[in-house]
Amino acid sequence: MFYICSMSGVHVIWFKRDLRVHDHAALMSAVASGAPVLPLFIFEPGYWALPEHSRRQFDFVRECLEELDAALRARGSTLVIR
């Protein structure tokens, strides 16, 4: 799942579960527009507090975010994490 929002000429790509750059339709569309792109991931404490989520899953997502940031940096961008 992802969200794309455009405000003040900046496209915000809110990464939620689709933590990749290749074949990411919203990201490709935002980049193709020529406008600035802000890649964003927001940790949702309530989501991670649910009993079905484990530390192992959290660590996996953290590793995926590190890889996503590296892929974005290789393309001249950076992942904003809040």
N, C-alpha and C. Protein backbone atom coordinates (compact mmCIF):
# COMPACT_ATOMS: atom_id res chain seq x y z
N MET A 1 0.84 -1.16 0.00
CA MET A 1 0.00 0.00 0.00
C MET A 1 0.89 1.23 0.00
N PHE A 2 0.46 2.26 -0.71
CA PHE A 2 1.19 3.51 -0.74
C PHE A 2 0.20 4.63 -0.94
N TYR A 3 0.63 5.83 -0.68
CA TYR A 3 -0.17 7.01 -0.92
C TYR A 3 0.69 8.00 -1.67
N ILE A 4 0.05 8.77 -2.54
CA ILE A 4 0.75 9.86 -3.21
C ILE A 4 -0.06 11.12 -2.99
N CYS A 5 0.59 12.16 -2.61
CA CYS A 5 -0.07 13.43 -2.34
C CYS A 5 0.78 14.52 -2.96
N SER A 6 0.14 15.47 -3.60
CA SER A 6 0.88 16.58 -4.20
C SER A 6 0.44 17.87 -3.53
N MET A 7 1.39 18.60 -2.99
CA MET A 7 1.08 19.89 -2.37
C MET A 7 2.25 20.82 -2.62
N SER A 8 1.94 22.03 -2.94
CA SER A 8 2.97 23.04 -3.20
C SER A 8 4.01 22.55 -4.20
N GLY A 9 3.57 21.76 -5.17
CA GLY A 9 4.49 21.30 -6.20
C GLY A 9 5.41 20.18 -5.78
N VAL A 10 5.20 19.63 -4.59
CA VAL A 10 6.02 18.51 -4.11
C VAL A 10 5.14 17.27 -4.06
N HIS A 11 5.62 16.17 -4.63
CA HIS A 11 4.90 14.90 -4.55
C HIS A 11 5.41 14.13 -3.34
N VAL A 12 4.51 13.83 -2.42
CA VAL A 12 4.86 13.04 -1.24
C VAL A 12 4.46 11.59 -1.50
N ILE A 13 5.43 10.70 -1.45
CA ILE A 13 5.17 9.27 -1.58
C ILE A 13 5.25 8.68 -0.18
N TRP A 14 4.10 8.27 0.34
CA TRP A 14 4.04 7.71 1.69
C TRP A 14 4.16 6.19 1.57
N PHE A 15 5.34 5.70 1.87
CA PHE A 15 5.57 4.26 1.85
C PHE A 15 4.96 3.64 3.10
N LYS A 16 4.19 2.58 2.90
CA LYS A 16 3.62 1.87 4.04
C LYS A 16 4.09 0.42 4.06
N ARG A 17 3.72 -0.34 3.03
CA ARG A 17 4.12 -1.75 2.99
C ARG A 17 4.91 -2.10 1.73
N ASP A 18 4.78 -1.30 0.72
CA ASP A 18 5.48 -1.53 -0.55
C ASP A 18 6.82 -0.80 -0.49
N LEU A 19 7.80 -1.41 0.16
CA LEU A 19 9.07 -0.75 0.46
C LEU A 19 10.13 -1.06 -0.59
N ARG A 20 9.88 -0.62 -1.81
CA ARG A 20 10.81 -0.87 -2.91
C ARG A 20 10.73 0.30 -3.89
N VAL A 21 11.74 0.44 -4.72
CA VAL A 21 11.71 1.50 -5.73
C VAL A 21 11.44 0.95 -7.12
N HIS A 22 11.90 -0.26 -7.41
CA HIS A 22 11.68 -0.78 -8.76
C HIS A 22 10.21 -1.18 -8.91
N ASP A 23 9.64 -0.82 -10.04
CA ASP A 23 8.26 -1.16 -10.35
C ASP A 23 7.26 -0.56 -9.35
N HIS A 24 7.58 0.59 -8.78
CA HIS A 24 6.69 1.27 -7.83
C HIS A 24 5.95 2.36 -8.61
N ALA A 25 4.71 2.08 -8.98
CA ALA A 25 3.95 2.94 -9.90
C ALA A 25 3.85 4.38 -9.42
N ALA A 26 3.50 4.59 -8.16
CA ALA A 26 3.33 5.96 -7.66
C ALA A 26 4.65 6.72 -7.68
N LEU A 27 5.72 6.06 -7.28
CA LEU A 27 7.04 6.70 -7.29
C LEU A 27 7.46 7.06 -8.71
N MET A 28 7.27 6.12 -9.63
CA MET A 28 7.63 6.38 -11.03
C MET A 28 6.82 7.54 -11.60
N SER A 29 5.55 7.60 -11.28
CA SER A 29 4.69 8.68 -11.76
C SER A 29 5.14 10.02 -11.19
N ALA A 30 5.46 10.05 -9.91
CA ALA A 30 5.90 11.29 -9.28
C ALA A 30 7.22 11.77 -9.88
N VAL A 31 8.15 10.86 -10.07
CA VAL A 31 9.45 11.21 -10.66
C VAL A 31 9.27 11.71 -12.09
N ALA A 32 8.39 11.05 -12.85
CA ALA A 32 8.16 11.43 -14.24
C ALA A 32 7.54 12.82 -14.37
N SER A 33 6.88 13.29 -13.31
CA SER A 33 6.24 14.60 -13.37
C SER A 33 7.26 15.73 -13.41
N GLY A 34 8.48 15.44 -12.94
CA GLY A 34 9.51 16.47 -12.92
C GLY A 34 9.48 17.33 -11.67
N ALA A 35 8.45 17.18 -10.84
CA ALA A 35 8.34 17.94 -9.60
C ALA A 35 9.18 17.26 -8.52
N PRO A 36 9.54 18.00 -7.47
CA PRO A 36 10.27 17.38 -6.37
C PRO A 36 9.46 16.24 -5.74
N VAL A 37 10.17 15.21 -5.27
CA VAL A 37 9.52 14.05 -4.66
C VAL A 37 10.04 13.90 -3.24
N LEU A 38 9.13 13.72 -2.30
CA LEU A 38 9.49 13.49 -0.90
C LEU A 38 9.08 12.07 -0.52
N PRO A 39 10.04 11.13 -0.47
CA PRO A 39 9.72 9.77 -0.03
C PRO A 39 9.60 9.76 1.50
N LEU A 40 8.51 9.20 2.01
CA LEU A 40 8.20 9.29 3.43
C LEU A 40 7.74 7.94 3.98
N PHE A 41 8.25 7.58 5.15
CA PHE A 41 7.74 6.43 5.90
C PHE A 41 7.42 6.92 7.29
N ILE A 42 6.24 6.55 7.80
CA ILE A 42 5.82 6.96 9.14
C ILE A 42 5.64 5.71 9.99
N PHE A 43 6.41 5.62 11.07
CA PHE A 43 6.21 4.52 12.02
C PHE A 43 4.91 4.80 12.76
N GLU A 44 4.05 3.83 12.81
CA GLU A 44 2.77 3.96 13.49
C GLU A 44 2.81 3.11 14.76
N PRO A 45 3.05 3.75 15.92
CA PRO A 45 3.19 2.99 17.17
C PRO A 45 2.00 2.07 17.46
N GLY A 46 0.81 2.52 17.17
CA GLY A 46 -0.38 1.70 17.41
C GLY A 46 -0.36 0.42 16.60
N TYR A 47 0.12 0.51 15.38
CA TYR A 47 0.22 -0.65 14.50
C TYR A 47 1.19 -1.67 15.07
N TRP A 48 2.35 -1.19 15.53
CA TRP A 48 3.38 -2.10 16.04
C TRP A 48 3.06 -2.60 17.44
N ALA A 49 2.11 -1.98 18.12
CA ALA A 49 1.71 -2.43 19.45
C ALA A 49 0.71 -3.58 19.40
N LEU A 50 0.15 -3.84 18.22
CA LEU A 50 -0.82 -4.93 18.09
C LEU A 50 -0.15 -6.27 18.41
N PRO A 51 -0.87 -7.17 19.05
CA PRO A 51 -0.26 -8.44 19.48
C PRO A 51 0.25 -9.32 18.34
N GLU A 52 -0.28 -9.15 17.15
CA GLU A 52 0.18 -10.00 16.04
C GLU A 52 1.50 -9.55 15.43
N HIS A 53 2.07 -8.45 15.90
CA HIS A 53 3.35 -7.98 15.37
C HIS A 53 4.47 -8.29 16.36
N SER A 54 5.55 -8.83 15.83
CA SER A 54 6.67 -9.25 16.68
C SER A 54 7.88 -8.35 16.46
N ARG A 55 8.83 -8.49 17.34
CA ARG A 55 10.10 -7.76 17.21
C ARG A 55 10.81 -8.18 15.91
N ARG A 56 10.68 -9.44 15.57
CA ARG A 56 11.30 -9.96 14.34
C ARG A 56 10.73 -9.25 13.11
N GLN A 57 9.42 -9.04 13.09
CA GLN A 57 8.80 -8.33 11.98
C GLN A 57 9.27 -6.87 11.94
N PHE A 58 9.34 -6.26 13.12
CA PHE A 58 9.80 -4.87 13.21
C PHE A 58 11.22 -4.75 12.67
N ASP A 59 12.09 -5.68 13.07
CA ASP A 59 13.48 -5.66 12.60
C ASP A 59 13.55 -5.85 11.09
N PHE A 60 12.70 -6.72 10.56
CA PHE A 60 12.66 -6.94 9.11
C PHE A 60 12.28 -5.65 8.38
N VAL A 61 11.25 -4.97 8.87
CA VAL A 61 10.83 -3.71 8.25
C VAL A 61 11.95 -2.68 8.34
N ARG A 62 12.61 -2.61 9.49
CA ARG A 62 13.73 -1.66 9.65
C ARG A 62 14.82 -1.94 8.62
N GLU A 63 15.15 -3.21 8.41
CA GLU A 63 16.15 -3.57 7.41
C GLU A 63 15.68 -3.19 6.00
N CYS A 64 14.41 -3.41 5.73
CA CYS A 64 13.86 -3.03 4.42
C CYS A 64 13.93 -1.52 4.22
N LEU A 65 13.69 -0.76 5.29
CA LEU A 65 13.78 0.69 5.19
C LEU A 65 15.21 1.14 4.91
N GLU A 66 16.18 0.47 5.51
CA GLU A 66 17.58 0.79 5.23
C GLU A 66 17.90 0.53 3.76
N GLU A 67 17.41 -0.57 3.23
CA GLU A 67 17.63 -0.89 1.81
C GLU A 67 16.90 0.10 0.91
N LEU A 68 15.69 0.47 1.29
CA LEU A 68 14.92 1.45 0.52
C LEU A 68 15.66 2.79 0.49
N ASP A 69 16.15 3.22 1.64
CA ASP A 69 16.88 4.49 1.70
C ASP A 69 18.14 4.43 0.83
N ALA A 70 18.84 3.31 0.87
CA ALA A 70 20.05 3.16 0.03
C ALA A 70 19.68 3.23 -1.45
N ALA A 71 18.59 2.60 -1.83
CA ALA A 71 18.15 2.63 -3.24
C ALA A 71 17.75 4.04 -3.65
N LEU A 72 17.10 4.76 -2.75
CA LEU A 72 16.70 6.14 -3.05
C LEU A 72 17.94 7.05 -3.13
N ARG A 73 18.89 6.85 -2.23
CA ARG A 73 20.12 7.65 -2.25
C ARG A 73 20.90 7.42 -3.54
N ALA A 74 20.88 6.19 -4.04
CA ALA A 74 21.56 5.89 -5.30
C ALA A 74 20.92 6.63 -6.46
N ARG A 75 19.68 7.08 -6.25
CA ARG A 75 18.94 7.82 -7.28
C ARG A 75 18.87 9.31 -6.96
N GLY A 76 19.64 9.75 -5.96
CA GLY A 76 19.71 11.17 -5.64
C GLY A 76 18.65 11.67 -4.68
N SER A 77 18.02 10.78 -3.94
CA SER A 77 16.98 11.17 -2.99
C SER A 77 17.32 10.57 -1.63
N THR A 78 16.42 10.71 -0.69
CA THR A 78 16.60 10.10 0.63
C THR A 78 15.24 9.86 1.25
N LEU A 79 15.15 8.85 2.08
CA LEU A 79 13.89 8.50 2.74
C LEU A 79 13.75 9.30 4.02
N VAL A 80 12.62 9.94 4.19
CA VAL A 80 12.31 10.65 5.44
C VAL A 80 11.51 9.69 6.30
N ILE A 81 11.96 9.48 7.54
CA ILE A 81 11.28 8.58 8.46
C ILE A 81 10.83 9.39 9.67
N ARG A 82 9.58 9.26 9.99
CA ARG A 82 8.99 9.96 11.15
C ARG A 82 8.26 8.98 12.01
